[in-house]
Amino acid sequence: MSLVVKITPNDKGHPPGKLADAELHFIDGELDGLKLIGFSIWDRRSGNGRNVTFPARQYAVNGERRSFALLRPIADVGAQNRIRDLVLEAYAEYEERSAVASSS
């Protein structure tokens, strides 16, 4: 299975710290032609790097809002790190292309 990460920049700057949204586009295999949406790239509040949030569904329990992650590891917790790294690499490449385009 192959996939492409599509980056959509957060040009509005709202909410603060949100850099972009990302989607995973599947280009072959059983998921060919489908996409998984709901990833976001954020500057860390501490200023040390970036973070990726995963698709989630919100729900309420006794008036308290909670989130249920839609993409979770079956057994290997490192699986999420691989996707997180893939999204961050795609965003870094997007930034490089944007910098080259703006300097031309």
Protein backbone atom coordinates (compact mmCIF):
# COMPACT_ATOMS: atom_id res chain seq x y z
CA MET A 1 0.00 0.00 0.00
CA SER A 2 1.30 3.43 -0.92
CA LEU A 3 0.14 6.79 0.29
CA VAL A 4 0.78 10.48 -0.22
CA VAL A 5 0.49 13.13 2.48
CA LYS A 6 -1.37 16.24 1.29
CA ILE A 7 -0.62 19.42 3.25
CA THR A 8 -3.07 22.34 3.50
CA PRO A 9 -1.46 25.34 5.23
CA ASN A 10 -3.27 27.27 7.93
CA ASP A 11 -3.08 30.65 6.19
CA LYS A 12 -5.47 32.31 8.64
CA GLY A 13 -3.27 31.73 11.70
CA HIS A 14 -6.26 30.69 13.77
CA PRO A 15 -6.11 28.86 16.08
CA PRO A 16 -2.68 30.09 17.18
CA GLY A 17 0.08 27.53 16.78
CA LYS A 18 -1.72 25.49 14.12
CA LEU A 19 0.52 25.30 11.06
CA ALA A 20 -1.44 23.08 8.69
CA ASP A 21 -3.88 20.25 8.16
CA ALA A 22 -2.83 16.98 6.56
CA GLU A 23 -4.59 14.13 4.77
CA LEU A 24 -3.35 10.67 3.88
CA HIS A 25 -4.22 9.82 0.26
CA PHE A 26 -4.03 6.12 -0.55
CA ILE A 27 -2.82 5.42 -4.09
CA ASP A 28 -2.91 1.63 -4.39
CA GLY A 29 -4.05 -1.50 -2.61
CA GLU A 30 -7.42 -2.01 -1.00
CA LEU A 31 -7.67 1.64 0.05
CA ASP A 32 -6.84 3.08 -3.40
CA GLY A 33 -8.87 6.21 -4.07
CA LEU A 34 -9.64 6.90 -0.40
CA LYS A 35 -8.23 9.48 2.00
CA LEU A 36 -7.98 9.76 5.77
CA ILE A 37 -8.53 13.31 6.99
CA GLY A 38 -8.20 15.00 10.36
CA PHE A 39 -4.45 15.30 10.96
CA SER A 40 -3.09 18.68 12.09
CA ILE A 41 0.46 20.00 12.48
CA TRP A 42 1.11 22.30 15.44
CA ASP A 43 4.03 24.25 16.88
CA ARG A 44 4.70 22.88 20.34
CA ARG A 45 3.72 25.28 23.12
CA SER A 46 7.16 24.84 24.68
CA GLY A 47 8.71 25.99 21.39
CA ASN A 48 10.63 22.71 20.98
CA GLY A 49 9.56 21.40 17.58
CA ARG A 50 6.23 20.33 16.20
CA ASN A 51 3.45 17.91 17.01
CA VAL A 52 0.85 16.08 14.94
CA THR A 53 -2.65 15.47 16.19
CA PHE A 54 -4.56 12.49 14.80
CA PRO A 55 -8.19 12.24 13.67
CA ALA A 56 -10.53 12.05 16.64
CA ARG A 57 -14.21 12.17 17.46
CA GLN A 58 -15.41 14.28 20.35
CA TYR A 59 -18.09 13.15 22.76
CA ALA A 60 -19.44 14.27 26.12
CA VAL A 61 -19.68 12.39 29.40
CA ASN A 62 -21.47 14.18 32.24
CA GLY A 63 -20.98 17.48 30.41
CA GLU A 64 -17.23 16.92 30.05
CA ARG A 65 -15.81 16.90 26.49
CA ARG A 66 -13.53 14.02 25.62
CA SER A 67 -11.86 12.74 22.47
CA PHE A 68 -11.73 9.26 21.02
CA ALA A 69 -8.75 8.68 18.68
CA LEU A 70 -9.85 7.12 15.39
CA LEU A 71 -6.41 5.87 14.32
CA ARG A 72 -4.85 3.75 17.05
CA PRO A 73 -2.18 1.06 17.16
CA ILE A 74 -3.25 -2.57 17.33
CA ALA A 75 -0.19 -3.66 19.30
CA ASP A 76 2.88 -1.65 18.20
CA VAL A 77 2.71 1.85 19.69
CA GLY A 78 5.54 2.80 17.31
CA ALA A 79 3.08 2.59 14.43
CA GLN A 80 1.67 5.99 15.42
CA ASN A 81 5.18 7.43 15.51
CA ARG A 82 5.78 6.27 11.93
CA ILE A 83 2.68 8.12 10.72
CA ARG A 84 3.55 11.18 12.83
CA ASP A 85 7.06 11.24 11.33
CA LEU A 86 5.66 10.81 7.81
CA VAL A 87 3.33 13.80 8.27
CA LEU A 88 6.13 15.95 9.76
CA GLU A 89 8.47 15.04 6.87
CA ALA A 90 5.78 15.98 4.34
CA TYR A 91 5.28 19.33 6.10
CA ALA A 92 9.04 20.02 6.09
CA GLU A 93 9.12 19.28 2.34
CA TYR A 94 6.11 21.58 1.86
CA GLU A 95 7.95 24.36 3.73
CA GLU A 96 11.06 23.89 1.56
CA ARG A 97 9.03 24.05 -1.66
CA SER A 98 7.21 27.16 -0.42
CA ALA A 99 10.48 28.89 0.48
CA VAL A 100 11.96 28.13 -2.96
CA ALA A 101 8.79 29.31 -4.72
CA SER A 102 8.68 32.58 -2.75
CA SER A 103 12.35 33.36 -3.44
CA SER A 104 11.93 32.85 -7.21
